[in-house]
C-alpha atoms as a PDB file:
ATOM      1  CA  MET A   1      87.982  11.046  72.716  1.00  0.00           C
ATOM      2  CA  ASP A   2      88.933   9.338  76.014  1.00  0.00           C
ATOM      3  CA  SER A   3      85.877   9.860  78.330  1.00  0.00           C
ATOM      4  CA  ASP A   4      87.920   8.767  81.384  1.00  0.00           C
ATOM      5  CA  ARG A   5      89.704  12.136  81.243  1.00  0.00           C
ATOM      6  CA  VAL A   6      86.461  14.137  81.713  1.00  0.00           C
ATOM      7  CA  GLU A   7      86.155  15.670  85.231  1.00  0.00           C
ATOM      8  CA  PRO A   8      82.554  16.186  86.443  1.00  0.00           C
ATOM      9  CA  GLY A   9      81.258  19.198  88.415  1.00  0.00           C
ATOM     10  CA  TRP A  10      83.087  22.316  89.634  1.00  0.00           C
ATOM     11  CA  SER A  11      84.241  23.899  92.833  1.00  0.00           C
ATOM     12  CA  GLY A  12      83.809  27.510  93.964  1.00  0.00           C
ATOM     13  CA  SER A  13      81.000  29.781  95.233  1.00  0.00           C
ATOM     14  CA  GLY A  14      80.128  31.618  92.018  1.00  0.00           C
ATOM     15  CA  SER A  15      76.805  31.196  90.244  1.00  0.00           C
ATOM     16  CA  LEU A  16      75.371  32.382  86.940  1.00  0.00           C
ATOM     17  CA  SER A  17      71.767  32.278  88.150  1.00  0.00           C
ATOM     18  CA  GLY A  18      71.953  36.071  88.471  1.00  0.00           C
ATOM     19  CA  VAL A  19      72.165  36.406  84.688  1.00  0.00           C
ATOM     20  CA  GLY A  20      69.292  34.016  84.123  1.00  0.00           C
ATOM     21  CA  LEU A  21      71.262  30.820  83.492  1.00  0.00           C
ATOM     22  CA  PRO A  22      69.599  27.740  85.049  1.00  0.00           C
ATOM     23  CA  ALA A  23      71.740  25.434  87.200  1.00  0.00           C
ATOM     24  CA  THR A  24      71.597  22.597  84.659  1.00  0.00           C
ATOM     25  CA  GLU A  25      72.875  24.809  81.843  1.00  0.00           C
ATOM     26  CA  GLU A  26      75.587  26.229  84.092  1.00  0.00           C
ATOM     27  CA  ALA A  27      76.713  22.704  85.044  1.00  0.00           C
ATOM     28  CA  VAL A  28      77.006  21.715  81.391  1.00  0.00           C
ATOM     29  CA  TYR A  29      78.736  24.967  80.407  1.00  0.00           C
ATOM     30  CA  ARG A  30      81.278  24.720  83.241  1.00  0.00           C
ATOM     31  CA  THR A  31      82.020  21.133  82.277  1.00  0.00           C
ATOM     32  CA  ALA A  32      82.536  22.138  78.633  1.00  0.00           C
ATOM     33  CA  LEU A  33      84.882  24.950  79.694  1.00  0.00           C
ATOM     34  CA  ALA A  34      87.265  22.377  81.209  1.00  0.00           C
ATOM     35  CA  HIS A  35      87.883  20.803  77.769  1.00  0.00           C
ATOM     36  CA  PRO A  36      88.978  22.241  74.425  1.00  0.00           C
ATOM     37  CA  THR A  37      86.325  20.083  72.758  1.00  0.00           C
ATOM     38  CA  ILE A  38      84.039  17.391  74.102  1.00  0.00           C
ATOM     39  CA  ALA A  39      81.539  14.990  72.613  1.00  0.00           C
ATOM     40  CA  ALA A  40      77.885  15.491  73.533  1.00  0.00           C
ATOM     41  CA  GLY A  41      77.670  12.075  75.236  1.00  0.00           C
ATOM     42  CA  ASP A  42      80.805  12.667  77.261  1.00  0.00           C
ATOM     43  CA  LEU A  43      79.522  16.097  78.265  1.00  0.00           C
ATOM     44  CA  ALA A  44      76.293  14.601  79.578  1.00  0.00           C
ATOM     45  CA  ARG A  45      78.134  12.005  81.642  1.00  0.00           C
ATOM     46  CA  ALA A  46      80.710  14.472  82.954  1.00  0.00           C
ATOM     47  CA  SER A  47      78.056  16.962  84.063  1.00  0.00           C
ATOM     48  CA  GLY A  48      76.337  14.250  86.128  1.00  0.00           C
ATOM     49  CA  LEU A  49      72.965  14.968  84.515  1.00  0.00           C
ATOM     50  CA  PRO A  50      70.508  12.533  82.932  1.00  0.00           C
ATOM     51  CA  PRO A  51      71.026  12.326  79.136  1.00  0.00           C
ATOM     52  CA  ASP A  52      67.745  14.026  78.265  1.00  0.00           C
ATOM     53  CA  VAL A  53      68.355  16.887  80.722  1.00  0.00           C
ATOM     54  CA  ALA A  54      71.925  17.356  79.478  1.00  0.00           C
ATOM     55  CA  ASP A  55      70.718  17.286  75.856  1.00  0.00           C
ATOM     56  CA  SER A  56      68.149  20.047  76.586  1.00  0.00           C
ATOM     57  CA  ALA A  57      70.846  22.101  78.346  1.00  0.00           C
ATOM     58  CA  VAL A  58      73.211  21.721  75.375  1.00  0.00           C
ATOM     59  CA  LYS A  59      70.529  22.951  72.955  1.00  0.00           C
ATOM     60  CA  ALA A  60      69.801  25.927  75.189  1.00  0.00           C
ATOM     61  CA  LEU A  61      73.498  26.787  75.513  1.00  0.00           C
ATOM     62  CA  VAL A  62      73.964  26.623  71.755  1.00  0.00           C
ATOM     63  CA  SER A  63      71.016  28.989  71.290  1.00  0.00           C
ATOM     64  CA  ARG A  64      72.499  31.391  73.867  1.00  0.00           C
ATOM     65  CA  GLY A  65      75.849  31.308  72.050  1.00  0.00           C
ATOM     66  CA  LEU A  66      77.633  29.662  74.991  1.00  0.00           C
ATOM     67  CA  LEU A  67      78.374  26.408  73.118  1.00  0.00           C
ATOM     68  CA  ASP A  68      79.287  25.792  69.495  1.00  0.00           C
ATOM     69  CA  ASP A  69      79.796  22.744  67.310  1.00  0.00           C
ATOM     70  CA  ALA A  70      83.411  22.054  66.364  1.00  0.00           C
ATOM     71  CA  ASP A  71      84.516  19.018  64.272  1.00  0.00           C
ATOM     72  CA  GLY A  72      81.806  16.778  65.636  1.00  0.00           C
ATOM     73  CA  GLY A  73      82.318  17.880  69.228  1.00  0.00           C
ATOM     74  CA  LEU A  74      81.250  20.846  71.366  1.00  0.00           C
ATOM     75  CA  ILE A  75      83.385  23.811  72.332  1.00  0.00           C
ATOM     76  CA  ALA A  76      82.608  26.373  75.004  1.00  0.00           C
ATOM     77  CA  THR A  77      82.576  30.015  73.923  1.00  0.00           C
ATOM     78  CA  SER A  78      84.909  32.316  75.846  1.00  0.00           C
ATOM     79  CA  PRO A  79      83.138  33.578  79.017  1.00  0.00           C
ATOM     80  CA  MET A  80      84.384  37.122  78.363  1.00  0.00           C
ATOM     81  CA  LEU A  81      82.690  37.092  74.972  1.00  0.00           C
ATOM     82  CA  ALA A  82      79.550  35.243  75.965  1.00  0.00           C
ATOM     83  CA  LEU A  83      78.871  36.421  79.521  1.00  0.00           C
ATOM     84  CA  ALA A  84      80.416  39.882  80.020  1.00  0.00           C
ATOM     85  CA  ASP A  85      77.434  41.780  78.571  1.00  0.00           C
ATOM     86  CA  MET A  86      74.984  39.577  80.488  1.00  0.00           C
ATOM     87  CA  VAL A  87      76.814  40.198  83.780  1.00  0.00           C
ATOM     88  CA  SER A  88      77.052  43.959  83.136  1.00  0.00           C
ATOM     89  CA  SER A  89      73.332  44.107  82.404  1.00  0.00           C
ATOM     90  CA  ALA A  90      72.538  42.117  85.551  1.00  0.00           C
ATOM     91  CA  GLU A  91      74.730  44.444  87.641  1.00  0.00           C
ATOM     92  CA  LYS A  92      72.906  47.489  86.245  1.00  0.00           C
ATOM     93  CA  GLU A  93      69.539  45.918  87.019  1.00  0.00           C
ATOM     94  CA  ALA A  94      70.749  45.079  90.528  1.00  0.00           C
ATOM     95  CA  ARG A  95      71.761  48.716  91.097  1.00  0.00           C
ATOM     96  CA  GLN A  96      68.395  49.896  89.847  1.00  0.00           C
ATOM     97  CA  ALA A  97      66.677  47.385  92.096  1.00  0.00           C
ATOM     98  CA  ARG A  98      68.700  48.645  95.088  1.00  0.00           C
ATOM     99  CA  ALA A  99      67.749  52.243  94.292  1.00  0.00           C
ATOM    100  CA  ALA A 100      64.096  51.214  93.977  1.00  0.00           C
ATOM    101  CA  LEU A 101      64.342  49.390  97.292  1.00  0.00           C
ATOM    102  CA  ASP A 102      65.743  52.482  99.021  1.00  0.00           C
ATOM    103  CA  GLU A 103      62.944  54.622  97.553  1.00  0.00           C
ATOM    104  CA  LEU A 104      60.276  52.158  98.658  1.00  0.00           C
ATOM    105  CA  VAL A 105      61.726  52.000 102.176  1.00  0.00           C
ATOM    106  CA  ASP A 106      61.646  55.820 102.383  1.00  0.00           C
ATOM    107  CA  GLU A 107      58.042  55.909 101.124  1.00  0.00           C
ATOM    108  CA  TYR A 108      57.047  53.165 103.561  1.00  0.00           C
ATOM    109  CA  ARG A 109      58.575  54.989 106.528  1.00  0.00           C
ATOM    110  CA  ALA A 110      57.209  58.393 105.512  1.00  0.00           C
ATOM    111  CA  ALA A 111      53.682  57.047 105.109  1.00  0.00           C
ATOM    112  CA  ARG A 112      53.736  55.424 108.521  1.00  0.00           C
ATOM    113  CA  GLU A 113      55.350  58.411 110.213  1.00  0.00           C
ATOM    114  CA  GLU A 114      52.668  60.701 108.797  1.00  0.00           C
ATOM    115  CA  ARG A 115      49.864  58.389 109.885  1.00  0.00           C
ATOM    116  CA  ALA A 116      51.467  57.896 113.278  1.00  0.00           C
ATOM    117  CA  VAL A 117      51.315  61.608 114.089  1.00  0.00           C
ATOM    118  CA  GLY A 118      48.147  62.378 112.140  1.00  0.00           C
ATOM    119  CA  LEU A 119      49.828  64.284 109.312  1.00  0.00           C
ATOM    120  CA  GLU A 120      49.119  64.402 105.607  1.00  0.00           C
ATOM    121  CA  ILE A 121      50.877  66.585 103.062  1.00  0.00           C
ATOM    122  CA  VAL A 122      48.440  68.181 100.596  1.00  0.00           C
ATOM    123  CA  ARG A 123      49.898  69.646  97.398  1.00  0.00           C
ATOM    124  CA  GLY A 124      48.372  71.753  94.635  1.00  0.00           C
ATOM    125  CA  ARG A 125      45.881  74.622  94.778  1.00  0.00           C
ATOM    126  CA  SER A 126      42.907  72.499  93.773  1.00  0.00           C
ATOM    127  CA  ASN A 127      43.624  69.837  96.392  1.00  0.00           C
ATOM    128  CA  ILE A 128      44.190  72.484  99.067  1.00  0.00           C
ATOM    129  CA  ALA A 129      40.899  74.200  98.213  1.00  0.00           C
ATOM    130  CA  ASN A 130      39.082  70.861  98.420  1.00  0.00           C
ATOM    131  CA  TRP A 131      40.587  70.228 101.858  1.00  0.00           C
ATOM    132  CA  ILE A 132      39.527  73.673 103.109  1.00  0.00           C
ATOM    133  CA  ASN A 133      35.977  73.213 101.829  1.00  0.00           C
ATOM    134  CA  ARG A 134      35.724  69.752 103.374  1.00  0.00           C
ATOM    135  CA  LEU A 135      36.951  70.998 106.742  1.00  0.00           C
ATOM    136  CA  LEU A 136      34.525  73.911 106.769  1.00  0.00           C
ATOM    137  CA  ARG A 137      31.613  71.618 105.947  1.00  0.00           C
ATOM    138  CA  SER A 138      32.610  69.226 108.725  1.00  0.00           C
ATOM    139  CA  THR A 139      32.728  71.928 111.426  1.00  0.00           C
ATOM    140  CA  GLU A 140      30.289  71.447 114.287  1.00  0.00           C
ATOM    141  CA  VAL A 141      31.212  74.119 116.866  1.00  0.00           C
ATOM    142  CA  GLN A 142      33.680  76.755 115.667  1.00  0.00           C
ATOM    143  CA  MET A 143      36.278  77.720 113.131  1.00  0.00           C
ATOM    144  CA  ARG A 144      39.561  79.484 113.932  1.00  0.00           C
ATOM    145  CA  MET A 145      41.687  81.057 111.225  1.00  0.00           C
ATOM    146  CA  PHE A 146      44.893  82.997 110.633  1.00  0.00           C
ATOM    147  CA  ALA A 147      44.164  85.130 107.539  1.00  0.00           C
ATOM    148  CA  LYS A 148      47.511  86.072 106.027  1.00  0.00           C
ATOM    149  CA  PRO A 149      47.618  87.639 102.541  1.00  0.00           C
ATOM    150  CA  PRO A 150      48.056  87.126  99.675  1.00  0.00           C
ATOM    151  CA  PHE A 151      45.203  84.699  99.063  1.00  0.00           C
ATOM    152  CA  ALA A 152      45.689  82.197  96.233  1.00  0.00           C
ATOM    153  CA  VAL A 153      43.050  79.631  97.221  1.00  0.00           C
ATOM    154  CA  VAL A 154      40.527  81.361  99.484  1.00  0.00           C
ATOM    155  CA  GLY A 155      40.214  84.824 100.876  1.00  0.00           C
ATOM    156  CA  ILE A 156      37.526  86.363 103.059  1.00  0.00           C
ATOM    157  CA  SER A 157      33.951  85.070 102.614  1.00  0.00           C
ATOM    158  CA  GLU A 158      34.639  83.936  99.061  1.00  0.00           C
ATOM    159  CA  THR A 159      33.810  80.250  98.717  1.00  0.00           C
ATOM    160  CA  ASP A 160      30.493  78.422  98.709  1.00  0.00           C
ATOM    161  CA  ALA A 161      31.760  76.397 101.666  1.00  0.00           C
ATOM    162  CA  GLU A 162      32.380  79.582 103.666  1.00  0.00           C
ATOM    163  CA  LYS A 163      28.936  80.925 102.803  1.00  0.00           C
ATOM    164  CA  GLU A 164      27.332  77.620 103.750  1.00  0.00           C
ATOM    165  CA  PHE A 165      29.336  77.636 106.969  1.00  0.00           C
ATOM    166  CA  ALA A 166      28.044  81.125 107.778  1.00  0.00           C
ATOM    167  CA  SER A 167      24.451  79.993 107.290  1.00  0.00           C
ATOM    168  CA  ARG A 168      24.884  77.437 110.092  1.00  0.00           C
ATOM    169  CA  ARG A 169      25.612  80.236 112.592  1.00  0.00           C
ATOM    170  CA  MET A 170      28.617  78.627 114.233  1.00  0.00           C
ATOM    171  CA  ARG A 171      31.331  80.633 115.898  1.00  0.00           C
ATOM    172  CA  GLU A 172      33.913  82.086 113.545  1.00  0.00           C
ATOM    173  CA  ARG A 173      37.085  83.602 114.962  1.00  0.00           C
ATOM    174  CA  VAL A 174      39.568  85.087 112.535  1.00  0.00           C
ATOM    175  CA  ILE A 175      42.864  86.840 113.200  1.00  0.00           C
ATOM    176  CA  ILE A 176      43.967  88.934 110.262  1.00  0.00           C
ATOM    177  CA  GLU A 177      47.366  90.369 109.455  1.00  0.00           C
ATOM    178  CA  ARG A 178      47.378  94.170 109.163  1.00  0.00           C
ATOM    179  CA  ALA A 179      48.591  93.931 105.554  1.00  0.00           C
ATOM    180  CA  LEU A 180      45.225  92.410 104.683  1.00  0.00           C
ATOM    181  CA  LEU A 181      43.643  95.850 105.056  1.00  0.00           C
ATOM    182  CA  ASP A 182      45.591  96.876 101.944  1.00  0.00           C
ATOM    183  CA  GLU A 183      44.070  94.078  99.841  1.00  0.00           C
ATOM    184  CA  SER A 184      41.614  95.006  97.087  1.00  0.00           C
ATOM    185  CA  GLU A 185      37.999  95.046  98.361  1.00  0.00           C
ATOM    186  CA  ALA A 186      39.231  93.949 101.797  1.00  0.00           C
ATOM    187  CA  GLU A 187      37.091  96.491 103.649  1.00  0.00           C
ATOM    188  CA  GLU A 188      33.906  95.444 101.838  1.00  0.00           C
ATOM    189  CA  LYS A 189      34.519  91.772 102.587  1.00  0.00           C
ATOM    190  CA  LEU A 190      35.484  92.426 106.197  1.00  0.00           C
ATOM    191  CA  LEU A 191      32.300  94.425 106.738  1.00  0.00           C
ATOM    192  CA  ALA A 192      30.279  91.548 105.252  1.00  0.00           C
ATOM    193  CA  SER A 193      32.028  89.168 107.643  1.00  0.00           C
ATOM    194  CA  LEU A 194      31.302  91.431 110.612  1.00  0.00           C
ATOM    195  CA  ASP A 195      27.659  91.701 109.522  1.00  0.00           C
ATOM    196  CA  ARG A 196      27.252  87.947 109.666  1.00  0.00           C
ATOM    197  CA  GLY A 197      28.706  87.784 113.156  1.00  0.00           C
ATOM    198  CA  GLN A 198      32.280  86.795 112.460  1.00  0.00           C
ATOM    199  CA  GLU A 199      34.691  87.795 115.228  1.00  0.00           C
ATOM    200  CA  ILE A 200      37.757  89.426 113.704  1.00  0.00           C
ATOM    201  CA  ARG A 201      40.910  90.618 115.413  1.00  0.00           C
ATOM    202  CA  LEU A 202      44.044  92.134 113.992  1.00  0.00           C
ATOM    203  CA  VAL A 203      47.795  91.726 114.589  1.00  0.00           C
ATOM    204  CA  GLU A 204      50.806  93.197 112.824  1.00  0.00           C
ATOM    205  CA  THR A 205      52.091  89.866 111.489  1.00  0.00           C
ATOM    206  CA  LEU A 206      51.100  86.202 111.537  1.00  0.00           C
ATOM    207  CA  PRO A 207      53.504  83.242 111.361  1.00  0.00           C
ATOM    208  CA  SER A 208      51.562  81.335 108.694  1.00  0.00           C
ATOM    209  CA  LYS A 209      48.183  80.642 107.197  1.00  0.00           C
ATOM    210  CA  LEU A 210      46.157  78.418 109.512  1.00  0.00           C
ATOM    211  CA  LEU A 211      42.671  76.932 109.684  1.00  0.00           C
ATOM    212  CA  ILE A 212      41.410  74.969 112.693  1.00  0.00           C
ATOM    213  CA  VAL A 213      37.968  73.366 112.804  1.00  0.00           C
ATOM    214  CA  ASP A 214      36.584  72.564 116.236  1.00  0.00           C
ATOM    215  CA  ASP A 215      39.403  70.914 118.204  1.00  0.00           C
ATOM    216  CA  ALA A 216      39.581  68.140 115.631  1.00  0.00           C
ATOM    217  CA  GLN A 217      41.646  69.079 112.608  1.00  0.00           C
ATOM    218  CA  ALA A 218      43.809  71.833 111.140  1.00  0.00           C
ATOM    219  CA  ILE A 219      45.705  72.768 108.026  1.00  0.00           C
ATOM    220  CA  VAL A 220      48.755  75.022 108.053  1.00  0.00           C
ATOM    221  CA  SER A 221      50.810  76.324 105.139  1.00  0.00           C
ATOM    222  CA  LEU A 222      54.193  74.716 104.499  1.00  0.00           C
ATOM    223  CA  ASP A 223      55.384  77.125 101.834  1.00  0.00           C
ATOM    224  CA  ASP A 224      56.193  80.818 102.230  1.00  0.00           C
ATOM    225  CA  GLY A 225      52.533  81.747 102.193  1.00  0.00           C
ATOM    226  CA  GLY A 226      52.743  83.365  98.767  1.00  0.00           C
ATOM    227  CA  VAL A 227      50.431  83.025  95.818  1.00  0.00           C
ATOM    228  CA  SER A 228      51.904  79.710  94.672  1.00  0.00           C
ATOM    229  CA  HIS A 229      50.409  77.716  97.558  1.00  0.00           C
ATOM    230  CA  ASP A 230      52.700  74.757  96.929  1.00  0.00           C
ATOM    231  CA  ALA A 231      51.730  72.711  99.970  1.00  0.00           C
ATOM    232  CA  VAL A 232      49.914  72.568 103.278  1.00  0.00           C
ATOM    233  CA  VAL A 233      49.953  69.950 105.999  1.00  0.00           C
ATOM    234  CA  ALA A 234      46.703  68.531 107.339  1.00  0.00           C
ATOM    235  CA  ILE A 235      46.953  67.781 111.047  1.00  0.00           C
ATOM    236  CA  GLY A 236      44.779  65.425 113.069  1.00  0.00           C
ATOM    237  CA  PRO A 237      44.276  65.145 116.839  1.00  0.00           C
ATOM    238  CA  GLY A 238      47.424  65.059 118.941  1.00  0.00           C
ATOM    239  CA  GLY A 239      50.101  67.208 120.487  1.00  0.00           C
ATOM    240  CA  LEU A 240      50.798  69.216 117.330  1.00  0.00           C
ATOM    241  CA  LEU A 241      47.137  70.186 116.921  1.00  0.00           C
ATOM    242  CA  ASP A 242      46.935  71.094 120.611  1.00  0.00           C
ATOM    243  CA  SER A 243      49.968  73.353 120.165  1.00  0.00           C
ATOM    244  CA  LEU A 244      48.377  75.122 117.178  1.00  0.00           C
ATOM    245  CA  ILE A 245      45.174  75.675 119.136  1.00  0.00           C
ATOM    246  CA  ARG A 246      47.201  77.139 121.985  1.00  0.00           C
ATOM    247  CA  LEU A 247      49.074  79.387 119.531  1.00  0.00           C
ATOM    248  CA  PHE A 248      45.789  80.687 118.152  1.00  0.00           C
ATOM    249  CA  GLU A 249      44.416  81.434 121.617  1.00  0.00           C
ATOM    250  CA  VAL A 250      47.568  83.300 122.639  1.00  0.00           C
ATOM    251  CA  GLU A 251      47.431  85.393 119.457  1.00  0.00           C
ATOM    252  CA  TRP A 252      43.715  85.983 119.993  1.00  0.00           C
ATOM    253  CA  GLU A 253      44.280  87.366 123.480  1.00  0.00           C
ATOM    254  CA  ARG A 254      46.886  89.875 122.331  1.00  0.00           C
ATOM    255  CA  ALA A 255      45.138  90.880 119.090  1.00  0.00           C
ATOM    256  CA  THR A 256      43.121  94.064 118.520  1.00  0.00           C
ATOM    257  CA  GLN A 257      39.440  93.633 117.781  1.00  0.00           C
ATOM    258  CA  LEU A 258      37.987  94.853 114.515  1.00  0.00           C
ATOM    259  CA  ARG A 259      34.667  96.726 114.387  1.00  0.00           C
ATOM    260  CA  GLU A 260      32.580  98.782 112.035  1.00  0.00           C
ATOM    261  CA  ALA A 261      33.323 102.460 112.425  1.00  0.00           C
ATOM    262  CA  PRO A 262      31.082 105.330 111.343  1.00  0.00           C
ATOM    263  CA  GLY A 263      30.776 105.641 107.581  1.00  0.00           C
ATOM    264  CA  ARG A 264      30.719 101.872 106.941  1.00  0.00           C
ATOM    265  CA  ARG A 265      34.433 101.311 107.362  1.00  0.00           C
ATOM    266  CA  VAL A 266      36.417  98.860 109.433  1.00  0.00           C
ATOM    267  CA  ASP A 267      38.460 100.014 112.361  1.00  0.00           C
ATOM    268  CA  PRO A 268      40.354  98.303 115.186  1.00  0.00           C
ATOM    269  CA  TYR A 269      39.547  99.089 118.784  1.00  0.00           C
ATOM    270  CA  PRO A 270      40.716  97.588 122.098  1.00  0.00           C
ATOM    271  CA  ALA A 271      39.375  94.110 122.592  1.00  0.00           C
ATOM    272  CA  ARG A 272      39.248  94.597 126.366  1.00  0.00           C
ATOM    273  CA  ILE A 273      37.739  98.025 126.977  1.00  0.00           C
ATOM    274  CA  ASP A 274      37.300  97.154 130.669  1.00  0.00           C
ATOM    275  CA  ASP A 275      41.072  97.327 131.039  1.00  0.00           C
ATOM    276  CA  LEU A 276      40.674 101.103 130.999  1.00  0.00           C
ATOM    277  CA  ASP A 277      38.470 101.129 134.117  1.00  0.00           C
ATOM    278  CA  ASP A 278      41.463 102.063 136.260  1.00  0.00           C
ATOM    279  CA  PRO A 279      41.009 105.803 137.049  1.00  0.00           C
ATOM    280  CA  MET A 280      44.782 106.268 137.227  1.00  0.00           C
ATOM    281  CA  ASP A 281      45.117 105.111 133.598  1.00  0.00           C
ATOM    282  CA  ARG A 282      42.620 107.749 132.570  1.00  0.00           C
ATOM    283  CA  LYS A 283      44.445 110.475 134.533  1.00  0.00           C
ATOM    284  CA  VAL A 284      47.799 109.507 132.995  1.00  0.00           C
ATOM    285  CA  LEU A 285      46.263 109.502 129.542  1.00  0.00           C
ATOM    286  CA  ALA A 286      44.528 112.862 130.033  1.00  0.00           C
ATOM    287  CA  LEU A 287      47.720 114.583 131.176  1.00  0.00           C
ATOM    288  CA  LEU A 288      49.755 112.954 128.407  1.00  0.00           C
ATOM    289  CA  LEU A 289      47.303 114.153 125.755  1.00  0.00           C
ATOM    290  CA  ALA A 290      47.374 117.608 127.296  1.00  0.00           C
ATOM    291  CA  GLY A 291      51.036 117.783 126.331  1.00  0.00           C
ATOM    292  CA  HIS A 292      52.745 117.060 129.652  1.00  0.00           C
ATOM    293  CA  THR A 293      56.020 115.167 129.748  1.00  0.00           C
ATOM    294  CA  ASP A 294      56.301 111.834 131.545  1.00  0.00           C
ATOM    295  CA  ALA A 295      58.117 113.543 134.420  1.00  0.00           C
ATOM    296  CA  ALA A 296      55.434 116.238 134.699  1.00  0.00           C
ATOM    297  CA  VAL A 297      52.691 113.603 134.739  1.00  0.00           C
ATOM    298  CA  ALA A 298      54.515 111.755 137.532  1.00  0.00           C
ATOM    299  CA  ALA A 299      54.904 114.927 139.574  1.00  0.00           C
ATOM    300  CA  ARG A 300      51.276 116.036 139.178  1.00  0.00           C
ATOM    301  CA  LEU A 301      49.942 112.584 140.143  1.00  0.00           C
ATOM    302  CA  GLY A 302      52.490 111.943 142.879  1.00  0.00           C
ATOM    303  CA  ILE A 303      53.676 108.648 141.401  1.00  0.00           C
ATOM    304  CA  GLY A 304      57.044 107.449 140.129  1.00  0.00           C
ATOM    305  CA  LEU A 305      58.314 108.137 136.621  1.00  0.00           C
ATOM    306  CA  ARG A 306      58.694 104.425 135.887  1.00  0.00           C
ATOM    307  CA  THR A 307      55.104 103.842 136.988  1.00  0.00           C
ATOM    308  CA  VAL A 308      53.941 106.491 134.520  1.00  0.00           C
ATOM    309  CA  GLN A 309      55.982 104.914 131.729  1.00  0.00           C
ATOM    310  CA  ARG A 310      54.649 101.439 132.532  1.00  0.00           C
ATOM    311  CA  ARG A 311      51.065 102.753 132.380  1.00  0.00           C
ATOM    312  CA  ILE A 312      51.723 104.487 129.070  1.00  0.00           C
ATOM    313  CA  ARG A 313      53.205 101.273 127.694  1.00  0.00           C
ATOM    314  CA  HIS A 314      50.078  99.406 128.855  1.00  0.00           C
ATOM    315  CA  LEU A 315      47.839 101.945 127.074  1.00  0.00           C
ATOM    316  CA  MET A 316      49.888 101.680 123.900  1.00  0.00           C
ATOM    317  CA  ASP A 317      49.625  97.877 123.997  1.00  0.00           C
ATOM    318  CA  LEU A 318      45.836  98.169 124.275  1.00  0.00           C
ATOM    319  CA  ALA A 319      45.841 100.393 121.213  1.00  0.00           C
ATOM    320  CA  SER A 320      48.298  98.095 119.381  1.00  0.00           C
ATOM    321  CA  THR A 321      50.640 100.939 118.577  1.00  0.00           C
ATOM    322  CA  ASP A 322      54.146 102.126 119.421  1.00  0.00           C
ATOM    323  CA  SER A 323      53.275 105.742 118.599  1.00  0.00           C
ATOM    324  CA  ARG A 324      52.065 108.179 121.251  1.00  0.00           C
ATOM    325  CA  VAL A 325      50.420 110.238 118.522  1.00  0.00           C
ATOM    326  CA  LEU A 326      48.370 107.231 117.442  1.00  0.00           C
ATOM    327  CA  LEU A 327      47.619 106.469 121.079  1.00  0.00           C
ATOM    328  CA  GLY A 328      45.979 109.862 121.360  1.00  0.00           C
ATOM    329  CA  TRP A 329      43.986 109.275 118.195  1.00  0.00           C
ATOM    330  CA  TYR A 330      42.779 105.886 119.459  1.00  0.00           C
ATOM    331  CA  ALA A 331      41.898 107.301 122.859  1.00  0.00           C
ATOM    332  CA  ARG A 332      39.699 110.039 121.450  1.00  0.00           C
ATOM    333  CA  ASP A 333      38.107 107.789 118.823  1.00  0.00           C
ATOM    334  CA  ARG A 334      37.258 105.085 121.366  1.00  0.00           C
ATOM    335  CA  GLY A 335      35.907 107.388 124.003  1.00  0.00           C
ATOM    336  CA  TRP A 336      38.498 106.493 126.640  1.00  0.00           C
ATOM    337  CA  LEU A 337      38.297 110.009 128.053  1.00  0.00           C
END
């Protein structure tokens, strides 16, 4: 074979390094592709590699099926036969690597965003219970809670952590949703909580389950508040925690206080009994309960009808009811008159 006809090297920007082919093997393979057959010595010279390096590359290419012996020379295997599967596999791996990269970037950002705002997602009933117990044991001043049934992890005065918390005589303020009164054994547990000094108030509905310890940390439910308890978010100091504390205090101010009524039962009564010190409120209430209409009450007291209606609305808000019948029941039970 005339070695002067062998052209060394190649032009172009492609590379087979992505399919695991070293540069020396690629140089030899590309050189072989330019010739139907080529002697081993000519191939080494044409590739521009030292003889021993070219010889090693030839052996590797033969083992990969990229070169074959033919009548004493070497022939390059068709790229479509030899390389198509390798390229397809490399492309698949590259796509998987890109997907993994995107996932890792999302995880990286999420982790730093959570830490930046003091958030941590807690999943699973066991993990949530552990978080609640740890928070209760870390409390130094007071605990605030929204108690919204149903209870899948903790209820009222159920866990060892809650009992241990009670023994330390710190302030406990709990706002319960009215539906809690329908829970099994709710009255017994509420009475036990009142006996130990827990402050309990009641509202019609609560937005979520919430626990705040001191002014330091909180957990709030992320799911629908049902029995599954899929997830909660733990919240550290910052604007979000401050907002939750403010929410609790607003709800606390408008809630109805719970007390023990005669016969060892729980009963709500106005949290601010002093609000009934206004003699006019008492006169309006007395006439209303005597069966007078709003207009008759206004005429007898010499005040406007709208003033009477505003005072009645104020009394109903104190009693946490929209029913005038229930207002009368509350008034007599609480000794407003």
